[in-house]
Amino acid sequence: MNCFIECVNELFVPLADDKPEGPTDVLVFLGLELDTTNMIVRIPHQKVLEIVG
């Protein structure tokens, strides 16, 4: 992760401190949960509740 942050800084790409996540198997990206262990994309439970109402 440190290498990525160093590269981003060298390229002067803005990076929000709260956005990067360390190594993880499940990541929320563009509102979808990406599970790389099970190779699944799913809608987070909270989003389902918002949609269903």
PDB file of N, CA and C in Angstrom:
ATOM      1  N   MET A   1       0.828  -1.186   0.000  1.00  0.00           N
ATOM      2  CA  MET A   1       0.000   0.000   0.000  1.00  0.00           C
ATOM      3  C   MET A   1       0.873   1.251   0.000  1.00  0.00           C
ATOM      4  N   ASN A   2       1.957   1.213   0.746  1.00  0.00           N
ATOM      5  CA  ASN A   2       2.842   2.379   0.799  1.00  0.00           C
ATOM      6  C   ASN A   2       3.424   2.698  -0.567  1.00  0.00           C
ATOM      7  N   CYS A   3       3.753   1.671  -1.332  1.00  0.00           N
ATOM      8  CA  CYS A   3       4.298   1.867  -2.675  1.00  0.00           C
ATOM      9  C   CYS A   3       3.275   2.577  -3.565  1.00  0.00           C
ATOM     10  N   PHE A   4       2.017   2.156  -3.473  1.00  0.00           N
ATOM     11  CA  PHE A   4       0.952   2.784  -4.255  1.00  0.00           C
ATOM     12  C   PHE A   4       0.816   4.257  -3.892  1.00  0.00           C
ATOM     13  N   ILE A   5       0.815   4.551  -2.605  1.00  0.00           N
ATOM     14  CA  ILE A   5       0.664   5.936  -2.147  1.00  0.00           C
ATOM     15  C   ILE A   5       1.842   6.780  -2.608  1.00  0.00           C
ATOM     16  N   GLU A   6       3.051   6.232  -2.566  1.00  0.00           N
ATOM     17  CA  GLU A   6       4.231   6.955  -3.045  1.00  0.00           C
ATOM     18  C   GLU A   6       4.116   7.257  -4.536  1.00  0.00           C
ATOM     19  N   CYS A   7       3.669   6.281  -5.317  1.00  0.00           N
ATOM     20  CA  CYS A   7       3.511   6.481  -6.764  1.00  0.00           C
ATOM     21  C   CYS A   7       2.478   7.561  -7.054  1.00  0.00           C
ATOM     22  N   VAL A   8       1.369   7.511  -6.357  1.00  0.00           N
ATOM     23  CA  VAL A   8       0.310   8.506  -6.542  1.00  0.00           C
ATOM     24  C   VAL A   8       0.833   9.897  -6.197  1.00  0.00           C
ATOM     25  N   ASN A   9       1.574  10.002  -5.118  1.00  0.00           N
ATOM     26  CA  ASN A   9       2.130  11.295  -4.717  1.00  0.00           C
ATOM     27  C   ASN A   9       3.126  11.822  -5.744  1.00  0.00           C
ATOM     28  N   GLU A  10       3.956  10.945  -6.302  1.00  0.00           N
ATOM     29  CA  GLU A  10       4.929  11.364  -7.313  1.00  0.00           C
ATOM     30  C   GLU A  10       4.245  11.869  -8.575  1.00  0.00           C
ATOM     31  N   LEU A  11       3.088  11.323  -8.888  1.00  0.00           N
ATOM     32  CA  LEU A  11       2.339  11.739 -10.074  1.00  0.00           C
ATOM     33  C   LEU A  11       1.411  12.920  -9.791  1.00  0.00           C
ATOM     34  N   PHE A  12       1.435  13.410  -8.547  1.00  0.00           N
ATOM     35  CA  PHE A  12       0.597  14.533  -8.118  1.00  0.00           C
ATOM     36  C   PHE A  12      -0.889  14.255  -8.312  1.00  0.00           C
ATOM     37  N   VAL A  13      -1.278  13.006  -8.112  1.00  0.00           N
ATOM     38  CA  VAL A  13      -2.689  12.625  -8.182  1.00  0.00           C
ATOM     39  C   VAL A  13      -3.283  12.794  -6.789  1.00  0.00           C
ATOM     40  N   PRO A  14      -4.354  13.582  -6.658  1.00  0.00           N
ATOM     41  CA  PRO A  14      -4.947  13.756  -5.329  1.00  0.00           C
ATOM     42  C   PRO A  14      -5.542  12.445  -4.821  1.00  0.00           C
ATOM     43  N   LEU A  15      -5.343  12.190  -3.548  1.00  0.00           N
ATOM     44  CA  LEU A  15      -5.826  10.956  -2.942  1.00  0.00           C
ATOM     45  C   LEU A  15      -6.393  11.291  -1.568  1.00  0.00           C
ATOM     46  N   ALA A  16      -7.678  11.035  -1.382  1.00  0.00           N
ATOM     47  CA  ALA A  16      -8.313  11.301  -0.088  1.00  0.00           C
ATOM     48  C   ALA A  16      -7.786  10.316   0.943  1.00  0.00           C
ATOM     49  N   ASP A  17      -7.478  10.801   2.129  1.00  0.00           N
ATOM     50  CA  ASP A  17      -6.910   9.961   3.183  1.00  0.00           C
ATOM     51  C   ASP A  17      -7.837   8.831   3.600  1.00  0.00           C
ATOM     52  N   ASP A  18      -9.148   9.044   3.513  1.00  0.00           N
ATOM     53  CA  ASP A  18     -10.090   8.023   3.982  1.00  0.00           C
ATOM     54  C   ASP A  18     -10.480   7.018   2.892  1.00  0.00           C
ATOM     55  N   LYS A  19     -10.018   7.200   1.663  1.00  0.00           N
ATOM     56  CA  LYS A  19     -10.434   6.324   0.566  1.00  0.00           C
ATOM     57  C   LYS A  19      -9.611   5.041   0.418  1.00  0.00           C
ATOM     58  N   PRO A  20      -8.290   5.097   0.456  1.00  0.00           N
ATOM     59  CA  PRO A  20      -7.538   3.845   0.246  1.00  0.00           C
ATOM     60  C   PRO A  20      -7.804   2.826   1.351  1.00  0.00           C
ATOM     61  N   GLU A  21      -7.901   1.573   0.949  1.00  0.00           N
ATOM     62  CA  GLU A  21      -8.082   0.489   1.909  1.00  0.00           C
ATOM     63  C   GLU A  21      -6.932  -0.482   1.741  1.00  0.00           C
ATOM     64  N   GLY A  22      -6.503  -1.037   2.854  1.00  0.00           N
ATOM     65  CA  GLY A  22      -5.404  -1.994   2.820  1.00  0.00           C
ATOM     66  C   GLY A  22      -5.808  -3.290   2.157  1.00  0.00           C
ATOM     67  N   PRO A  23      -4.928  -4.257   2.160  1.00  0.00           N
ATOM     68  CA  PRO A  23      -5.259  -5.545   1.547  1.00  0.00           C
ATOM     69  C   PRO A  23      -6.535  -6.130   2.159  1.00  0.00           C
ATOM     70  N   THR A  24      -7.501  -6.433   1.319  1.00  0.00           N
ATOM     71  CA  THR A  24      -8.770  -6.977   1.782  1.00  0.00           C
ATOM     72  C   THR A  24      -9.383  -7.851   0.695  1.00  0.00           C
ATOM     73  N   ASP A  25     -10.212  -8.776   1.087  1.00  0.00           N
ATOM     74  CA  ASP A  25     -10.880  -9.654   0.126  1.00  0.00           C
ATOM     75  C   ASP A  25     -12.213  -9.086  -0.334  1.00  0.00           C
ATOM     76  N   VAL A  26     -12.805  -8.213   0.474  1.00  0.00           N
ATOM     77  CA  VAL A  26     -14.101  -7.619   0.135  1.00  0.00           C
ATOM     78  C   VAL A  26     -13.949  -6.104   0.182  1.00  0.00           C
ATOM     79  N   LEU A  27     -14.344  -5.453  -0.914  1.00  0.00           N
ATOM     80  CA  LEU A  27     -14.155  -4.019  -1.052  1.00  0.00           C
ATOM     81  C   LEU A  27     -15.411  -3.428  -1.672  1.00  0.00           C
ATOM     82  N   VAL A  28     -15.863  -2.281  -1.166  1.00  0.00           N
ATOM     83  CA  VAL A  28     -17.001  -1.587  -1.773  1.00  0.00           C
ATOM     84  C   VAL A  28     -16.441  -0.604  -2.793  1.00  0.00           C
ATOM     85  N   PHE A  29     -16.873  -0.761  -4.044  1.00  0.00           N
ATOM     86  CA  PHE A  29     -16.405   0.088  -5.137  1.00  0.00           C
ATOM     87  C   PHE A  29     -17.604   0.488  -5.975  1.00  0.00           C
ATOM     88  N   LEU A  30     -17.803   1.788  -6.135  1.00  0.00           N
ATOM     89  CA  LEU A  30     -18.937   2.319  -6.892  1.00  0.00           C
ATOM     90  C   LEU A  30     -20.267   1.775  -6.396  1.00  0.00           C
ATOM     91  N   GLY A  31     -20.365   1.586  -5.084  1.00  0.00           N
ATOM     92  CA  GLY A  31     -21.609   1.143  -4.471  1.00  0.00           C
ATOM     93  C   GLY A  31     -21.850  -0.352  -4.510  1.00  0.00           C
ATOM     94  N   LEU A  32     -20.904  -1.120  -5.036  1.00  0.00           N
ATOM     95  CA  LEU A  32     -21.049  -2.571  -5.098  1.00  0.00           C
ATOM     96  C   LEU A  32     -19.960  -3.232  -4.273  1.00  0.00           C
ATOM     97  N   GLU A  33     -20.289  -4.355  -3.655  1.00  0.00           N
ATOM     98  CA  GLU A  33     -19.320  -5.130  -2.888  1.00  0.00           C
ATOM     99  C   GLU A  33     -18.613  -6.099  -3.820  1.00  0.00           C
ATOM    100  N   LEU A  34     -17.293  -5.995  -3.901  1.00  0.00           N
ATOM    101  CA  LEU A  34     -16.505  -6.897  -4.730  1.00  0.00           C
ATOM    102  C   LEU A  34     -15.802  -7.883  -3.812  1.00  0.00           C
ATOM    103  N   ASP A  35     -16.127  -9.150  -3.950  1.00  0.00           N
ATOM    104  CA  ASP A  35     -15.541 -10.216  -3.133  1.00  0.00           C
ATOM    105  C   ASP A  35     -14.598 -11.010  -4.031  1.00  0.00           C
ATOM    106  N   THR A  36     -13.287 -10.823  -3.845  1.00  0.00           N
ATOM    107  CA  THR A  36     -12.313 -11.474  -4.722  1.00  0.00           C
ATOM    108  C   THR A  36     -12.049 -12.918  -4.333  1.00  0.00           C
ATOM    109  N   THR A  37     -12.395 -13.314  -3.122  1.00  0.00           N
ATOM    110  CA  THR A  37     -12.210 -14.703  -2.710  1.00  0.00           C
ATOM    111  C   THR A  37     -13.242 -15.595  -3.387  1.00  0.00           C
ATOM    112  N   ASN A  38     -14.502 -15.164  -3.332  1.00  0.00           N
ATOM    113  CA  ASN A  38     -15.598 -15.951  -3.906  1.00  0.00           C
ATOM    114  C   ASN A  38     -15.950 -15.531  -5.330  1.00  0.00           C
ATOM    115  N   MET A  39     -15.239 -14.506  -5.849  1.00  0.00           N
ATOM    116  CA  MET A  39     -15.490 -13.980  -7.195  1.00  0.00           C
ATOM    117  C   MET A  39     -16.958 -13.589  -7.361  1.00  0.00           C
ATOM    118  N   ILE A  40     -17.445 -12.778  -6.411  1.00  0.00           N
ATOM    119  CA  ILE A  40     -18.847 -12.364  -6.381  1.00  0.00           C
ATOM    120  C   ILE A  40     -18.919 -10.837  -6.320  1.00  0.00           C
ATOM    121  N   VAL A  41     -19.884 -10.284  -7.038  1.00  0.00           N
ATOM    122  CA  VAL A  41     -20.232  -8.870  -6.914  1.00  0.00           C
ATOM    123  C   VAL A  41     -21.641  -8.840  -6.356  1.00  0.00           C
ATOM    124  N   ARG A  42     -21.841  -8.100  -5.267  1.00  0.00           N
ATOM    125  CA  ARG A  42     -23.176  -8.042  -4.668  1.00  0.00           C
ATOM    126  C   ARG A  42     -23.490  -6.620  -4.220  1.00  0.00           C
ATOM    127  N   ILE A  43     -24.773  -6.377  -4.029  1.00  0.00           N
ATOM    128  CA  ILE A  43     -25.235  -5.090  -3.517  1.00  0.00           C
ATOM    129  C   ILE A  43     -25.173  -5.158  -1.995  1.00  0.00           C
ATOM    130  N   PRO A  44     -24.533  -4.162  -1.345  1.00  0.00           N
ATOM    131  CA  PRO A  44     -24.473  -4.173   0.119  1.00  0.00           C
ATOM    132  C   PRO A  44     -25.873  -4.181   0.735  1.00  0.00           C
ATOM    133  N   HIS A  45     -26.000  -4.840   1.877  1.00  0.00           N
ATOM    134  CA  HIS A  45     -27.296  -5.011   2.548  1.00  0.00           C
ATOM    135  C   HIS A  45     -27.996  -3.672   2.777  1.00  0.00           C
ATOM    136  N   GLN A  46     -27.264  -2.654   3.188  1.00  0.00           N
ATOM    137  CA  GLN A  46     -27.867  -1.343   3.449  1.00  0.00           C
ATOM    138  C   GLN A  46     -28.489  -0.768   2.180  1.00  0.00           C
ATOM    139  N   LYS A  47     -27.839  -0.952   1.044  1.00  0.00           N
ATOM    140  CA  LYS A  47     -28.387  -0.473  -0.229  1.00  0.00           C
ATOM    141  C   LYS A  47     -29.675  -1.214  -0.586  1.00  0.00           C
ATOM    142  N   VAL A  48     -29.706  -2.515  -0.335  1.00  0.00           N
ATOM    143  CA  VAL A  48     -30.912  -3.309  -0.605  1.00  0.00           C
ATOM    144  C   VAL A  48     -32.068  -2.772   0.230  1.00  0.00           C
ATOM    145  N   LEU A  49     -31.810  -2.481   1.505  1.00  0.00           N
ATOM    146  CA  LEU A  49     -32.861  -1.942   2.373  1.00  0.00           C
ATOM    147  C   LEU A  49     -33.359  -0.596   1.869  1.00  0.00           C
ATOM    148  N   GLU A  50     -32.444   0.244   1.354  1.00  0.00           N
ATOM    149  CA  GLU A  50     -32.844   1.546   0.817  1.00  0.00           C
ATOM    150  C   GLU A  50     -33.717   1.383  -0.428  1.00  0.00           C
ATOM    151  N   ILE A  51     -33.370   0.423  -1.265  1.00  0.00           N
ATOM    152  CA  ILE A  51     -34.117   0.206  -2.510  1.00  0.00           C
ATOM    153  C   ILE A  51     -35.496  -0.376  -2.229  1.00  0.00           C
ATOM    154  N   VAL A  52     -35.543  -1.391  -1.360  1.00  0.00           N
ATOM    155  CA  VAL A  52     -36.800  -2.067  -1.046  1.00  0.00           C
ATOM    156  C   VAL A  52     -37.719  -1.145  -0.255  1.00  0.00           C
ATOM    157  N   GLY A  53     -37.108  -0.327   0.589  1.00  0.00           N
ATOM    158  CA  GLY A  53     -37.867   0.662   1.338  1.00  0.00           C
ATOM    159  C   GLY A  53     -38.380   0.129   2.600  1.00  0.00           C
TER     160      GLY A  53
END
